[in-house]
Amino acid sequence: MMPVLKPLLAGKIPLLVLACLLPFSALSAAKLRRPDLGEEILRPQGDMRAFQQHLEALTAEDMAGRGTGSPGGMRAIAYLERQMRLAGLKGLPGLIREYRQEFSLADPRPIEFNLLATGLSWMDSSGEISSRQDAAVPFCFSPDADIERQLVFVGYGLKIPELGIDEYAGLDVRGKIVLVLRGAPGRAWRSSRFKGKGEALKFSSKMGTALAAGAAGFLLVGESAGLDEEQEDALVRRALRARGESTLPALWITRGLAEELLACSGQSLAQRQAGIDLQLEAIASQARKSKAEAQYRGLIPELRCRLRVSMAGPRPDLQTANLVGLLRGVDPQLRNEFIVIGAHHDHLGRGAFGSMARDAVGQVHPGADDNASGVAALLLLAEYLSAEEQPGTRRSLLFVAFGAEELGMHGSKQFLADCPVPRAKIAAMINLDMIGRAGADRLRIEGVASGLGLRDLVRSISDDCQRRVRLRERASSRSDHWNFLQSGIPALFVNSGIHEQYHRPSDVLELIELGPALETVDLVAKLIVRLADLQQAPKFSPDGLSKSFLRSGDKKK
């Protein structure tokens, strides 16, 4: 029994869903007009049931949220492969098993470590020994270690020659453990001299500076007092996910632990930091051209620290794939150009990475709207347009289900980096991501300014849509279309917006609104045909890129 249809059989269907389903059942045998050729797209009978079946399959219990590299994620890939074959799509040379473009990526989940064998202990001048395992977390690229050394506080650990700053000047840190503040003075101030010096402030840069100075261990502490538990937790996760290589044993420690370490020195961490901030701001502003004084830095002679790190080892790379199916065009002159129709197939699995519900990590995040709805639409479009009754489009169509979008749009990056067709022959791209919600009168099509003439083309089709369609000149950067735009390819982002269930276990099948979703599929089908049949492909325009990208100065020429 279809979950959404259960209330109908019980006589309890919500009015909104009933309003969506009834008119659509009458449309199941309707035709989609092909404006350019005067021909029609025949919508297959039972399209609502087919859409529902795809949704059910992709959100099934054994898919377990379709996490990248997970068993459920691989089941989703196998399902999509079968459906592309059943739809009559063709594979491309160089792909695995006809349709798979396989790739791997680093696992973004925090690295695990042995809590009992990782931490910091210290002995003060009286011989008293203190130990803390609960306030220290290793950087994921830290080597295993068990060392006992003296402690040197080096402020922010900065070495920026162009600002006249070298916090290691006059300090002997060889064979010692350095205690380093994160960030830089006044980094959040609009007038800060350290704006634009982000490279020098990175974890890896500070570790490299310490290693070059001969340090044997590295302790990083947050630069700001008063962080709440969530902010502290974010810093912990960042340390465990930080990428890089180092031979220097390194721990991130809480500010409270740093205060404990310095308590015996006669100066608190806050006092030392305040003095260092004034010194460095003065040097950076060229009010003083001397090196930073060691008044607030230096050896903490009262302490001897033991730093221990025991990592579980790096996680193996995640294996996933894009699924690529070809529907060959019919025009001898244009069939070697392509329209890409894309939707990402992955979601969050059990929420270890990316969940908006911190207390729900470990629970399955089904991702019904994000993005089973877009993938179901992709498959339905492939079935529509490859049906024997269809006359075919002039350009060829590439249906691509991208992997690893939730981890940084890796699938679309891989597709473009190792493109199975000449990238210059991709005329346009349409991205379907979250089309199943937000009511019958709301749909967004972003990026209509990314190709000359796209706005008018989209408007001419959307005006006939029962859903209220909102066109946006620029496209946001939060889904796979973005990589196409950055590559100079006109791209449209079709979505129905964010909702309260976004990236939560509550994004379930029962909340998908079938009528509006299928209305969107109809609109996109018309749009695909119009784009594929244009005599001249739309010329790319950077006006479709978001303002933040244009401000960065990286726009395509």
Protein backbone atom coordinates (compact mmCIF):
# COMPACT_ATOMS: atom_id res chain seq x y z
CA MET A 1 0.00 0.00 0.00
CA MET A 2 1.35 3.38 -0.94
CA PRO A 3 1.95 5.44 2.23
CA VAL A 4 0.57 8.67 0.78
CA LEU A 5 -2.54 6.94 -0.55
CA LYS A 6 -3.44 5.16 2.71
CA PRO A 7 -5.42 8.16 4.03
CA LEU A 8 -7.35 8.29 0.72
CA LEU A 9 -8.53 4.73 1.15
CA ALA A 10 -9.45 5.49 4.74
CA GLY A 11 -11.34 8.61 3.73
CA LYS A 12 -8.93 10.83 5.65
CA ILE A 13 -6.73 12.38 2.94
CA PRO A 14 -5.62 15.95 3.76
CA LEU A 15 -7.43 18.58 1.69
CA LEU A 16 -4.17 19.93 0.20
CA VAL A 17 -3.11 16.50 -1.04
CA LEU A 18 -6.65 15.76 -2.30
CA ALA A 19 -6.62 19.00 -4.24
CA CYS A 20 -3.33 17.98 -5.80
CA LEU A 21 -4.25 14.39 -6.63
CA LEU A 22 -7.69 14.78 -8.15
CA PRO A 23 -6.84 17.11 -11.03
CA PHE A 24 -3.67 15.19 -11.71
CA SER A 25 -5.45 11.86 -12.08
CA ALA A 26 -7.43 13.48 -14.86
CA LEU A 27 -4.17 14.49 -16.55
CA SER A 28 -2.58 11.05 -16.59
CA ALA A 29 -3.23 10.62 -20.30
CA ALA A 30 -2.56 14.24 -21.22
CA LYS A 31 0.06 15.38 -23.71
CA LEU A 32 2.83 17.93 -23.36
CA ARG A 33 2.97 20.27 -26.33
CA ARG A 34 6.31 20.57 -28.14
CA PRO A 35 6.27 24.25 -29.10
CA ASP A 36 9.17 24.18 -31.56
CA LEU A 37 8.16 21.19 -33.65
CA GLY A 38 4.40 21.23 -33.18
CA GLU A 39 4.59 17.70 -31.82
CA GLU A 40 3.67 16.35 -28.42
CA ILE A 41 5.25 14.45 -25.54
CA LEU A 42 3.06 11.54 -24.49
CA ARG A 43 2.99 11.17 -20.73
CA PRO A 44 2.85 7.45 -19.85
CA GLN A 45 -0.19 6.10 -18.03
CA GLY A 46 0.37 5.53 -14.32
CA ASP A 47 3.05 8.20 -13.95
CA MET A 48 1.94 9.02 -10.40
CA ARG A 49 2.34 5.40 -9.39
CA ALA A 50 5.78 5.23 -11.06
CA PHE A 51 6.90 8.37 -9.23
CA GLN A 52 5.62 6.95 -5.95
CA GLN A 53 7.42 3.64 -6.54
CA HIS A 54 10.74 5.39 -7.11
CA LEU A 55 10.25 7.37 -3.91
CA GLU A 56 9.39 4.22 -1.97
CA ALA A 57 12.44 2.41 -3.28
CA LEU A 58 14.86 5.25 -2.52
CA THR A 59 13.55 5.83 1.00
CA ALA A 60 13.15 2.13 1.87
CA GLU A 61 14.56 0.80 5.13
CA ASP A 62 17.42 -1.01 3.42
CA MET A 63 18.56 2.25 1.77
CA ALA A 64 19.21 3.59 5.32
CA GLY A 65 19.39 7.21 4.17
CA ARG A 66 21.63 6.57 1.12
CA GLY A 67 24.79 7.71 2.87
CA THR A 68 27.81 8.06 0.57
CA GLY A 69 29.86 4.87 0.57
CA SER A 70 27.38 3.03 2.81
CA PRO A 71 25.63 -0.25 1.91
CA GLY A 72 22.40 1.73 1.50
CA GLY A 73 24.13 4.20 -0.77
CA MET A 74 25.45 1.36 -2.96
CA ARG A 75 21.95 -0.17 -3.12
CA ALA A 76 20.64 3.18 -4.39
CA ILE A 77 23.33 3.17 -7.10
CA ALA A 78 22.34 -0.37 -8.17
CA TYR A 79 18.67 0.64 -8.25
CA LEU A 80 19.38 3.67 -10.45
CA GLU A 81 21.50 1.57 -12.78
CA ARG A 82 18.62 -0.88 -13.27
CA GLN A 83 16.11 1.91 -13.85
CA MET A 84 18.28 3.62 -16.45
CA ARG A 85 18.58 0.34 -18.30
CA LEU A 86 14.81 -0.26 -18.11
CA ALA A 87 14.18 3.26 -19.43
CA GLY A 88 16.23 2.44 -22.52
CA LEU A 89 19.05 4.87 -21.79
CA LYS A 90 22.45 3.96 -23.21
CA GLY A 91 25.75 3.85 -21.42
CA LEU A 92 28.83 5.73 -22.53
CA PRO A 93 32.33 4.47 -23.39
CA GLY A 94 34.70 4.51 -20.45
CA LEU A 95 32.00 4.05 -17.80
CA ILE A 96 31.85 0.99 -15.57
CA ARG A 97 28.97 -1.42 -16.29
CA GLU A 98 27.69 1.00 -18.95
CA TYR A 99 26.34 3.64 -16.56
CA ARG A 100 28.69 4.05 -13.57
CA GLN A 101 31.29 6.76 -13.25
CA GLU A 102 32.99 5.54 -10.10
CA PHE A 103 35.10 7.73 -7.82
CA SER A 104 36.32 7.92 -4.24
CA LEU A 105 36.65 10.68 -1.67
CA ALA A 106 37.95 11.15 1.85
CA ASP A 107 35.57 10.22 4.65
CA PRO A 108 34.55 13.54 6.29
CA ARG A 109 33.44 11.97 9.57
CA PRO A 110 35.58 12.71 12.62
CA ILE A 111 38.55 10.41 13.06
CA GLU A 112 38.26 8.14 16.08
CA PHE A 113 40.91 8.00 18.76
CA ASN A 114 41.63 6.04 21.92
CA LEU A 115 40.25 8.26 24.68
CA LEU A 116 42.10 6.45 27.46
CA ALA A 117 45.45 6.81 25.70
CA THR A 118 45.00 10.40 24.51
CA GLY A 119 45.23 13.50 26.63
CA LEU A 120 47.44 15.75 28.68
CA SER A 121 48.94 15.41 32.13
CA TRP A 122 51.38 17.69 33.90
CA MET A 123 53.45 18.02 37.06
CA ASP A 124 53.97 21.36 38.76
CA SER A 125 56.94 22.50 40.86
CA SER A 126 55.47 20.98 44.02
CA GLY A 127 55.39 17.56 42.39
CA GLU A 128 51.61 17.42 42.13
CA ILE A 129 50.41 15.59 39.02
CA SER A 130 47.20 16.54 37.18
CA SER A 131 45.66 14.78 34.19
CA ARG A 132 42.87 15.57 31.71
CA GLN A 133 41.51 13.32 28.98
CA ASP A 134 38.13 15.03 28.65
CA ALA A 135 39.45 18.45 27.55
CA ALA A 136 41.86 17.47 24.79
CA VAL A 137 41.16 16.17 21.28
CA PRO A 138 43.81 15.16 18.73
CA PHE A 139 43.96 16.62 15.25
CA CYS A 140 43.13 13.85 12.81
CA PHE A 141 46.54 14.10 11.12
CA SER A 142 48.48 13.93 14.40
CA PRO A 143 50.88 11.00 14.69
CA ASP A 144 50.67 8.72 17.71
CA ALA A 145 52.93 9.91 20.50
CA ASP A 146 53.75 9.71 24.19
CA ILE A 147 56.18 12.49 25.10
CA GLU A 148 57.11 14.35 28.28
CA ARG A 149 58.48 17.86 27.78
CA GLN A 150 58.57 21.41 29.11
CA LEU A 151 55.83 23.82 28.00
CA VAL A 152 56.37 27.11 26.12
CA PHE A 153 53.56 29.60 25.51
CA VAL A 154 54.08 31.27 22.12
CA GLY A 155 50.96 33.45 21.90
CA TYR A 156 49.26 33.01 18.52
CA GLY A 157 52.36 31.32 17.12
CA LEU A 158 52.44 33.74 14.17
CA LYS A 159 55.26 34.44 11.79
CA ILE A 160 54.18 37.06 9.24
CA PRO A 161 57.25 38.88 7.84
CA GLU A 162 55.27 41.48 5.91
CA LEU A 163 53.73 42.66 9.19
CA GLY A 164 57.01 42.48 11.11
CA ILE A 165 55.68 39.69 13.33
CA ASP A 166 57.68 36.70 14.56
CA GLU A 167 56.35 35.34 17.85
CA TYR A 168 59.09 32.71 18.00
CA ALA A 169 61.85 35.33 18.00
CA GLY A 170 63.88 35.06 21.20
CA LEU A 171 62.19 31.84 22.28
CA ASP A 172 63.84 28.44 22.41
CA VAL A 173 61.14 25.85 21.69
CA ARG A 174 63.44 23.07 20.53
CA GLY A 175 62.32 19.76 21.97
CA LYS A 176 59.45 21.39 23.87
CA ILE A 177 55.65 21.46 23.69
CA VAL A 178 54.23 24.78 22.46
CA LEU A 179 50.91 26.22 23.61
CA VAL A 180 49.35 28.28 20.81
CA LEU A 181 46.24 30.48 20.60
CA ARG A 182 43.92 29.92 17.67
CA GLY A 183 43.39 32.79 15.19
CA ALA A 184 44.87 36.27 15.60
CA PRO A 185 44.16 39.47 17.56
CA GLY A 186 41.00 41.27 16.54
CA ARG A 187 40.38 38.93 13.63
CA ALA A 188 36.68 39.74 13.81
CA TRP A 189 37.28 43.50 13.74
CA ARG A 190 36.60 45.16 10.41
CA SER A 191 39.75 47.26 10.85
CA SER A 192 42.00 44.36 11.87
CA ARG A 193 45.46 44.29 10.25
CA PHE A 194 45.16 40.51 10.08
CA LYS A 195 42.33 40.50 7.54
CA GLY A 196 43.54 38.74 4.41
CA LYS A 197 46.16 36.76 6.32
CA GLY A 198 44.05 33.64 6.57
CA GLU A 199 46.76 31.31 5.29
CA ALA A 200 49.06 32.21 8.20
CA LEU A 201 46.22 31.58 10.67
CA LYS A 202 45.41 28.04 9.55
CA PHE A 203 46.02 25.13 11.91
CA SER A 204 48.41 23.58 9.42
CA SER A 205 50.41 26.81 8.99
CA LYS A 206 50.84 27.28 12.72
CA MET A 207 51.91 23.67 13.11
CA GLY A 208 54.40 24.07 10.28
CA THR A 209 55.89 27.14 11.96
CA ALA A 210 56.19 25.28 15.26
CA LEU A 211 57.78 22.28 13.59
CA ALA A 212 60.30 24.48 11.78
CA ALA A 213 61.25 26.03 15.11
CA GLY A 214 61.99 22.56 16.51
CA ALA A 215 58.92 22.01 18.70
CA ALA A 216 58.20 18.45 19.81
CA GLY A 217 54.47 18.87 20.50
CA PHE A 218 51.63 21.30 19.76
CA LEU A 219 48.63 22.41 21.85
CA LEU A 220 46.03 24.69 20.24
CA VAL A 221 43.53 26.61 22.35
CA GLY A 222 40.54 28.71 21.29
CA GLU A 223 41.21 32.43 21.01
CA SER A 224 37.91 33.55 22.58
CA ALA A 225 36.60 33.10 26.09
CA GLY A 226 32.93 32.44 26.86
CA LEU A 227 32.22 29.84 24.14
CA ASP A 228 29.07 27.88 24.80
CA GLU A 229 28.94 24.09 24.65
CA GLU A 230 27.80 24.03 21.01
CA GLN A 231 30.64 26.31 19.90
CA GLU A 232 33.19 24.22 21.79
CA ASP A 233 31.74 21.09 20.20
CA ALA A 234 32.06 22.67 16.74
CA LEU A 235 35.76 23.31 17.37
CA VAL A 236 36.25 19.71 18.46
CA ARG A 237 34.61 18.42 15.28
CA ARG A 238 36.72 20.78 13.19
CA ALA A 239 39.93 19.47 14.77
CA LEU A 240 38.92 15.88 14.11
CA ARG A 241 38.04 16.65 10.48
CA ALA A 242 40.97 18.95 9.69
CA ARG A 243 42.93 17.75 6.68
CA GLY A 244 46.66 17.85 6.35
CA GLU A 245 49.88 16.05 7.17
CA SER A 246 52.18 16.56 10.13
CA THR A 247 54.85 14.75 12.09
CA LEU A 248 54.07 16.95 15.09
CA PRO A 249 51.86 15.43 17.82
CA ALA A 250 49.00 17.89 18.18
CA LEU A 251 46.00 18.35 20.47
CA TRP A 252 43.19 20.88 20.52
CA ILE A 253 42.53 21.77 24.18
CA THR A 254 39.77 23.72 25.88
CA ARG A 255 40.38 27.19 27.17
CA GLY A 256 39.66 25.94 30.67
CA LEU A 257 42.49 23.42 30.42
CA ALA A 258 44.86 26.12 29.14
CA GLU A 259 43.98 28.27 32.15
CA GLU A 260 44.82 25.34 34.43
CA LEU A 261 48.20 24.92 32.75
CA LEU A 262 49.11 28.58 33.19
CA ALA A 263 47.65 29.04 36.67
CA CYS A 264 50.99 28.33 38.36
CA SER A 265 52.84 30.94 36.27
CA GLY A 266 51.40 34.02 37.94
CA GLN A 267 49.68 35.22 34.74
CA SER A 268 46.35 33.92 33.51
CA LEU A 269 45.70 33.07 29.88
CA ALA A 270 43.37 36.07 29.61
CA GLN A 271 46.05 38.43 30.93
CA ARG A 272 48.68 37.06 28.59
CA GLN A 273 46.35 37.23 25.61
CA ALA A 274 45.33 40.83 26.32
CA GLY A 275 48.96 41.93 26.44
CA ILE A 276 49.85 40.03 23.27
CA ASP A 277 46.89 41.52 21.41
CA LEU A 278 48.08 45.05 22.15
CA GLN A 279 51.64 44.22 21.10
CA LEU A 280 50.72 42.57 17.82
CA GLU A 281 48.17 45.18 16.80
CA ALA A 282 50.78 47.87 17.45
CA ILE A 283 53.41 46.06 15.38
CA ALA A 284 50.98 45.27 12.55
CA SER A 285 49.87 48.90 12.36
CA GLN A 286 53.56 49.97 12.26
CA ALA A 287 53.09 52.04 15.39
CA ARG A 288 56.04 50.03 16.70
CA LYS A 289 58.54 48.31 14.47
CA SER A 290 60.24 46.18 17.11
CA LYS A 291 59.77 42.45 17.38
CA ALA A 292 57.09 41.17 19.71
CA GLU A 293 58.34 41.31 23.28
CA ALA A 294 58.50 38.06 25.21
CA GLN A 295 56.84 39.63 28.25
CA TYR A 296 53.74 37.48 27.86
CA ARG A 297 55.36 34.52 26.11
CA GLY A 298 58.00 32.05 27.04
CA LEU A 299 58.83 28.93 29.00
CA ILE A 300 56.55 27.93 31.86
CA PRO A 301 59.35 26.61 34.10
CA GLU A 302 56.97 25.40 36.79
CA LEU A 303 55.46 22.75 34.49
CA ARG A 304 56.47 19.56 32.81
CA CYS A 305 53.80 18.14 30.48
CA ARG A 306 53.09 14.70 29.12
CA LEU A 307 51.28 14.70 25.77
CA ARG A 308 49.76 11.45 24.55
CA VAL A 309 48.01 10.72 21.25
CA SER A 310 46.60 7.39 20.14
CA MET A 311 44.67 7.54 16.86
CA ALA A 312 42.52 4.77 15.46
CA GLY A 313 44.08 5.31 12.05
CA PRO A 314 42.66 7.05 9.00
CA ARG A 315 39.28 5.98 7.72
CA PRO A 316 39.33 4.35 4.28
CA ASP A 317 38.14 6.52 1.40
CA LEU A 318 34.45 6.37 0.54
CA GLN A 319 33.51 4.67 -2.74
CA THR A 320 30.57 5.94 -4.75
CA ALA A 321 29.50 6.67 -8.33
CA ASN A 322 27.62 8.95 -10.66
CA LEU A 323 25.06 7.22 -12.89
CA VAL A 324 25.05 8.51 -16.46
CA GLY A 325 22.49 7.52 -19.10
CA LEU A 326 22.35 8.79 -22.69
CA LEU A 327 19.32 9.44 -24.86
CA ARG A 328 20.73 10.14 -28.31
CA GLY A 329 19.35 13.14 -30.22
CA VAL A 330 17.83 12.82 -33.69
CA ASP A 331 19.30 15.84 -35.48
CA PRO A 332 22.50 14.93 -37.38
CA GLN A 333 23.84 18.45 -36.83
CA LEU A 334 22.98 18.82 -33.14
CA ARG A 335 23.05 15.30 -31.71
CA ASN A 336 26.66 15.76 -30.60
CA GLU A 337 25.58 18.54 -28.25
CA PHE A 338 24.07 17.67 -24.87
CA ILE A 339 21.55 18.83 -22.31
CA VAL A 340 22.42 17.47 -18.85
CA ILE A 341 19.53 16.67 -16.52
CA GLY A 342 20.92 16.07 -13.03
CA ALA A 343 19.85 15.14 -9.51
CA HIS A 344 21.97 13.92 -6.62
CA HIS A 345 21.13 10.46 -5.28
CA ASP A 346 22.97 10.56 -1.93
CA HIS A 347 21.73 11.77 1.43
CA LEU A 348 23.00 11.73 5.02
CA GLY A 349 22.64 8.08 5.96
CA ARG A 350 22.37 8.13 9.76
CA GLY A 351 23.30 11.77 10.08
CA ALA A 352 26.94 11.47 11.19
CA PHE A 353 27.76 14.30 8.79
CA GLY A 354 25.41 17.15 7.95
CA SER A 355 22.41 16.47 10.19
CA MET A 356 20.52 19.53 11.39
CA ALA A 357 19.26 17.51 14.36
CA ARG A 358 22.26 16.97 16.64
CA ASP A 359 20.29 14.68 18.95
CA ALA A 360 19.27 12.45 16.01
CA VAL A 361 22.73 11.30 14.91
CA GLY A 362 22.44 7.53 14.53
CA GLN A 363 18.88 7.69 13.25
CA VAL A 364 18.13 7.11 9.57
CA HIS A 365 17.67 10.34 7.61
CA PRO A 366 15.46 9.12 4.72
CA GLY A 367 15.92 12.20 2.52
CA ALA A 368 12.56 11.85 0.80
CA ASP A 369 12.57 15.40 -0.50
CA ASP A 370 16.37 15.74 -0.39
CA ASN A 371 16.76 14.27 -2.85
CA ALA A 372 14.67 11.18 -3.55
CA SER A 373 12.14 13.58 -5.07
CA GLY A 374 14.66 14.94 -7.58
CA VAL A 375 15.93 11.47 -8.51
CA ALA A 376 12.39 10.13 -8.93
CA ALA A 377 11.72 13.08 -11.24
CA LEU A 378 14.92 12.33 -13.16
CA LEU A 379 13.86 8.72 -13.73
CA LEU A 380 10.35 9.71 -14.71
CA LEU A 381 11.72 12.23 -17.22
CA ALA A 382 13.96 9.55 -18.69
CA GLU A 383 10.91 7.28 -19.04
CA TYR A 384 8.85 10.10 -20.61
CA LEU A 385 11.41 11.17 -23.14
CA SER A 386 12.74 7.77 -24.15
CA ALA A 387 9.31 6.25 -24.83
CA GLU A 388 8.91 4.82 -28.34
CA GLU A 389 6.02 7.19 -29.01
CA GLN A 390 8.25 10.22 -28.60
CA PRO A 391 9.72 11.80 -31.72
CA GLY A 392 13.04 12.48 -30.00
CA THR A 393 14.91 15.70 -29.32
CA ARG A 394 17.41 17.35 -31.64
CA ARG A 395 20.21 17.44 -29.09
CA SER A 396 21.20 14.44 -27.01
CA LEU A 397 20.14 14.20 -23.38
CA LEU A 398 22.38 13.05 -20.51
CA PHE A 399 20.56 11.94 -17.38
CA VAL A 400 23.03 12.08 -14.48
CA ALA A 401 22.41 10.99 -10.89
CA PHE A 402 25.27 12.56 -8.96
CA GLY A 403 26.94 11.01 -5.92
CA ALA A 404 28.38 12.69 -2.82
CA GLU A 405 26.57 16.01 -3.24
CA GLU A 406 25.94 16.27 0.50
CA LEU A 407 29.67 16.03 1.19
CA GLY A 408 30.62 18.92 -1.09
CA MET A 409 29.10 18.37 -4.56
CA HIS A 410 31.86 15.88 -5.37
CA GLY A 411 29.86 13.96 -7.98
CA SER A 412 29.32 16.92 -10.28
CA LYS A 413 32.97 17.93 -9.82
CA GLN A 414 34.03 14.43 -10.87
CA PHE A 415 31.64 14.41 -13.81
CA LEU A 416 33.08 17.65 -15.18
CA ALA A 417 36.70 16.77 -14.39
CA ASP A 418 36.45 13.42 -16.18
CA CYS A 419 33.57 14.24 -18.48
CA PRO A 420 32.34 11.27 -20.56
CA VAL A 421 31.42 13.69 -23.37
CA PRO A 422 33.32 16.79 -24.60
CA ARG A 423 32.59 19.39 -21.93
CA ALA A 424 32.43 22.16 -24.51
CA LYS A 425 29.50 20.31 -26.12
CA ILE A 426 27.29 20.60 -23.02
CA ALA A 427 24.76 23.24 -24.07
CA ALA A 428 22.94 23.56 -20.74
CA MET A 429 22.22 21.82 -17.44
CA ILE A 430 19.05 21.45 -15.37
CA ASN A 431 19.44 20.44 -11.72
CA LEU A 432 16.56 18.89 -9.75
CA ASP A 433 17.10 19.08 -6.00
CA MET A 434 14.20 19.00 -3.52
CA ILE A 435 11.12 19.40 -5.70
CA GLY A 436 8.57 17.55 -3.60
CA ARG A 437 7.44 20.06 -0.99
CA ALA A 438 6.39 23.66 -0.23
CA GLY A 439 2.83 23.48 -1.55
CA ALA A 440 1.16 23.62 -4.91
CA ASP A 441 1.84 27.29 -5.62
CA ARG A 442 5.57 27.59 -4.99
CA LEU A 443 8.45 26.54 -7.21
CA ARG A 444 11.82 28.17 -7.79
CA ILE A 445 13.86 28.13 -10.96
CA GLU A 446 17.20 29.78 -10.26
CA GLY A 447 19.90 30.87 -12.70
CA VAL A 448 17.67 32.12 -15.51
CA ALA A 449 20.29 34.80 -16.24
CA SER A 450 23.05 32.20 -16.77
CA GLY A 451 22.29 31.91 -20.49
CA LEU A 452 21.20 34.54 -22.98
CA GLY A 453 17.51 34.09 -23.69
CA LEU A 454 16.95 31.59 -20.85
CA ARG A 455 14.70 33.87 -18.84
CA ASP A 456 12.25 34.35 -21.71
CA LEU A 457 12.31 30.65 -22.55
CA VAL A 458 11.62 29.60 -18.96
CA ARG A 459 8.97 32.27 -18.53
CA SER A 460 7.11 31.15 -21.65
CA ILE A 461 6.82 27.65 -20.18
CA SER A 462 6.28 28.52 -16.51
CA ASP A 463 3.38 30.86 -17.28
CA ASP A 464 1.30 27.79 -18.18
CA CYS A 465 2.22 25.91 -15.00
CA GLN A 466 -0.45 25.44 -12.32
CA ARG A 467 2.19 26.04 -9.66
CA ARG A 468 3.29 29.60 -9.01
CA VAL A 469 6.85 29.70 -10.34
CA ARG A 470 9.38 32.15 -8.96
CA LEU A 471 12.27 32.90 -11.33
CA ARG A 472 15.61 34.04 -9.97
CA GLU A 473 18.32 35.64 -12.04
CA ARG A 474 21.16 34.13 -10.02
CA ALA A 475 21.50 30.61 -8.69
CA SER A 476 22.60 29.78 -5.19
CA SER A 477 25.77 27.74 -4.72
CA ARG A 478 24.30 24.90 -2.66
CA SER A 479 23.81 22.15 -5.23
CA ASP A 480 25.36 20.46 -8.28
CA HIS A 481 24.36 23.07 -10.85
CA TRP A 482 26.95 25.35 -9.25
CA ASN A 483 29.89 23.39 -10.64
CA PHE A 484 28.44 23.72 -14.14
CA LEU A 485 28.02 27.47 -13.74
CA GLN A 486 31.62 27.76 -12.57
CA SER A 487 32.63 25.86 -15.71
CA GLY A 488 30.87 28.39 -17.94
CA ILE A 489 27.82 26.22 -18.71
CA PRO A 490 24.30 27.72 -18.47
CA ALA A 491 22.49 25.94 -15.64
CA LEU A 492 19.06 26.08 -14.01
CA PHE A 493 18.34 25.02 -10.44
CA VAL A 494 14.78 23.72 -9.97
CA ASN A 495 13.69 23.41 -6.34
CA SER A 496 10.77 24.03 -4.01
CA GLY A 497 12.78 25.47 -1.15
CA ILE A 498 13.97 24.58 2.34
CA HIS A 499 11.55 23.33 4.99
CA GLU A 500 11.60 22.38 8.67
CA GLN A 501 12.43 18.75 7.91
CA TYR A 502 15.56 19.62 5.90
CA HIS A 503 18.48 17.34 6.87
CA ARG A 504 16.44 15.72 9.63
CA PRO A 505 14.99 12.23 10.13
CA SER A 506 11.54 13.77 9.59
CA ASP A 507 12.12 14.30 5.83
CA VAL A 508 9.88 11.32 5.05
CA LEU A 509 7.91 9.94 2.14
CA GLU A 510 4.52 10.75 3.66
CA LEU A 511 5.20 14.50 3.38
CA ILE A 512 5.90 14.50 -0.38
CA GLU A 513 3.17 16.32 -2.30
CA LEU A 514 2.72 14.21 -5.41
CA GLY A 515 0.54 16.54 -7.43
CA PRO A 516 2.83 19.57 -7.27
CA ALA A 517 5.88 17.35 -7.79
CA LEU A 518 4.46 15.87 -10.97
CA GLU A 519 3.45 19.32 -12.19
CA THR A 520 7.13 20.21 -11.80
CA VAL A 521 8.15 17.15 -13.81
CA ASP A 522 5.82 18.26 -16.62
CA LEU A 523 7.30 21.75 -16.60
CA VAL A 524 10.86 20.40 -16.69
CA ALA A 525 9.99 18.00 -19.52
CA LYS A 526 8.80 20.92 -21.63
CA LEU A 527 11.88 22.89 -20.68
CA ILE A 528 14.20 20.04 -21.68
CA VAL A 529 12.56 19.71 -25.07
CA ARG A 530 12.68 23.44 -25.74
CA LEU A 531 16.37 23.63 -24.81
CA ALA A 532 17.25 20.51 -26.76
CA ASP A 533 15.48 21.73 -29.88
CA LEU A 534 16.83 25.29 -30.00
CA GLN A 535 18.70 25.99 -33.19
CA GLN A 536 21.32 27.95 -31.22
CA ALA A 537 22.32 26.94 -27.70
CA PRO A 538 22.07 29.70 -25.05
CA LYS A 539 25.34 31.56 -24.61
CA PHE A 540 26.69 31.49 -21.07
CA SER A 541 26.43 34.65 -18.97
CA PRO A 542 28.07 35.13 -15.55
CA ASP A 543 24.96 37.05 -14.48
CA GLY A 544 23.56 33.71 -13.31
CA LEU A 545 26.22 33.32 -10.62
CA SER A 546 25.50 34.34 -7.04
CA LYS A 547 26.69 37.77 -5.91
CA SER A 548 29.17 36.28 -3.44
CA PHE A 549 30.90 34.39 -6.24
CA LEU A 550 31.03 37.47 -8.45
CA ARG A 551 32.55 39.49 -5.61
CA SER A 552 35.31 36.90 -5.23
CA GLY A 553 36.69 37.87 -8.64
CA ASP A 554 36.74 34.24 -9.79
CA LYS A 555 33.99 34.43 -12.37
CA LYS A 556 34.57 32.72 -15.68
CA LYS A 557 35.79 34.84 -18.54
